Protein backbone atom coordinates (compact mmCIF):
# COMPACT_ATOMS: atom_id res chain seq x y z
CA MET A 1 -21.10 -23.25 12.44
CA ALA A 2 -18.33 -22.92 15.02
CA HIS A 3 -18.46 -20.29 17.72
CA ILE A 4 -15.21 -19.04 19.16
CA ARG A 5 -15.22 -17.19 22.44
CA HIS A 6 -12.43 -15.13 23.87
CA ASP A 7 -11.45 -16.12 27.40
CA PRO A 8 -9.59 -13.18 29.01
CA THR A 9 -8.37 -15.46 31.83
CA SER A 10 -6.64 -17.76 29.38
CA THR A 11 -2.85 -17.79 29.57
CA GLN A 12 -2.35 -18.96 26.02
CA LYS A 13 0.00 -16.78 24.07
CA GLY A 14 -0.12 -16.64 20.33
CA LYS A 15 1.66 -15.01 17.46
CA ILE A 16 0.20 -13.38 14.40
CA SER A 17 2.39 -13.33 11.33
CA TYR A 18 1.64 -11.70 8.00
CA ASN A 19 2.78 -13.02 4.66
CA SER A 20 4.43 -10.32 2.56
CA ASN A 21 1.76 -10.92 -0.10
CA ILE A 22 -0.88 -9.84 2.42
CA VAL A 23 0.95 -6.58 3.08
CA SER A 24 1.43 -6.08 -0.68
CA GLY A 25 -2.32 -6.52 -1.11
CA ILE A 26 -2.99 -3.90 1.55
CA VAL A 27 -0.58 -1.51 -0.19
CA ALA A 28 -2.30 -2.14 -3.56
CA LEU A 29 -5.67 -1.45 -1.94
CA ALA A 30 -4.34 1.78 -0.44
CA ILE A 31 -3.09 2.94 -3.85
CA SER A 32 -6.41 2.11 -5.51
CA GLU A 33 -8.15 4.43 -3.02
CA VAL A 34 -6.27 7.46 -4.40
CA ASP A 35 -7.96 9.06 -7.43
CA GLY A 36 -5.76 9.64 -10.48
CA VAL A 37 -3.27 6.86 -9.74
CA SER A 38 -2.86 3.27 -10.92
CA LEU A 39 -0.20 0.64 -10.35
CA LEU A 40 2.06 -0.36 -13.19
CA ASN A 41 0.90 -3.45 -15.05
CA THR A 42 4.04 -5.41 -14.35
CA LYS A 43 4.70 -8.85 -12.97
CA ASN A 44 5.48 -7.59 -9.46
CA LYS A 45 2.71 -4.96 -9.60
CA GLY A 46 5.07 -2.06 -8.92
CA ILE A 47 5.30 -2.77 -5.19
CA LYS A 48 8.56 -3.65 -3.43
CA LEU A 49 8.53 -4.06 0.34
CA SER A 50 11.40 -4.32 2.79
CA PHE A 51 10.90 -5.20 6.42
CA ASP A 52 13.27 -3.37 8.76
CA LYS A 53 13.52 -2.88 12.54
CA GLN A 54 12.07 0.64 12.20
CA GLY A 55 9.18 -0.59 10.04
CA ILE A 56 8.23 -1.31 6.48
CA ILE A 57 9.97 0.46 3.63
CA ALA A 58 7.73 0.57 0.56
CA ASP A 59 9.02 1.30 -2.93
CA ILE A 60 6.04 2.05 -5.17
CA SER A 61 5.94 2.58 -8.96
CA VAL A 62 2.74 4.10 -10.36
CA LYS A 63 1.12 5.76 -13.35
CA VAL A 64 -0.74 9.03 -12.86
CA ASP A 65 -3.58 10.51 -14.86
CA TYR A 66 -2.97 13.67 -16.83
CA SER A 67 -3.95 16.96 -15.13
CA TYR A 68 -3.37 15.74 -11.56
CA ASN A 69 -0.83 17.48 -9.34
CA VAL A 70 2.03 14.97 -9.01
CA PRO A 71 3.46 16.09 -5.62
CA SER A 72 -0.05 16.08 -4.14
CA LEU A 73 -0.74 12.59 -5.50
CA ALA A 74 2.55 11.24 -4.15
CA PHE A 75 1.77 12.65 -0.70
CA ARG A 76 -1.75 11.16 -0.73
CA ILE A 77 -0.31 7.78 -1.77
CA GLN A 78 2.13 7.91 1.15
CA GLN A 79 -0.65 8.83 3.60
CA SER A 80 -2.98 6.13 2.30
CA ILE A 81 -0.34 3.40 2.49
CA LYS A 82 0.75 4.41 5.99
CA HIS A 83 -2.82 4.56 7.28
CA ASN A 84 -3.96 1.26 5.74
CA VAL A 85 -0.90 -0.81 6.66
CA GLU A 86 -0.73 0.47 10.23
CA SER A 87 -4.46 0.07 10.84
CA MET A 88 -4.69 -3.44 9.34
CA THR A 89 -1.44 -4.96 10.61
CA LYS A 90 0.93 -4.73 13.57
CA TYR A 91 3.61 -3.13 11.39
CA LYS A 92 4.69 0.50 11.29
CA VAL A 93 5.57 2.19 8.01
CA ASP A 94 9.00 3.77 8.12
CA LYS A 95 9.23 5.12 4.58
CA VAL A 96 7.25 5.18 1.34
CA ASP A 97 9.14 6.05 -1.85
CA VAL A 98 6.82 6.87 -4.75
CA HIS A 99 8.15 6.64 -8.31
CA ILE A 100 6.01 8.13 -11.08
CA GLN A 101 6.80 5.93 -14.07
CA ASP A 102 4.18 6.98 -16.59
CA VAL A 103 1.35 9.42 -17.32
CA ASN A 104 -2.05 8.37 -18.67
CA PHE A 105 -3.12 10.92 -21.28
CA PRO A 106 -6.73 11.20 -22.47
CA ALA A 107 -7.37 9.44 -25.77
CA ASP A 108 -8.40 12.66 -27.54
CA SER A 109 -5.31 14.68 -26.55
CA VAL A 110 -2.65 15.63 -29.06
CA ILE A 111 0.95 15.81 -27.91
């Protein structure tokens, strides 16, 4: 097993870069932490990210469960994404647009 020690007197400079798939995974994790919400089952998972000078712009498409307050869910999604991305990466989140694309109704409901 290798042991790596940090030497504070070292003058080596490094750079950490994040693949956009890593950030997408963090966003998907943040969405999964919000009750009553699920990502769309599409090829791109309902997450579109743009990297700008001001920060990340996230465009999210989700399904919500019936009986949840939609504005409250959208706000909690925005908070969760901002918190998770900013705490796990060096990036700032500039904007999160949430698009409600579908509603999951209970199986026994009649419309």
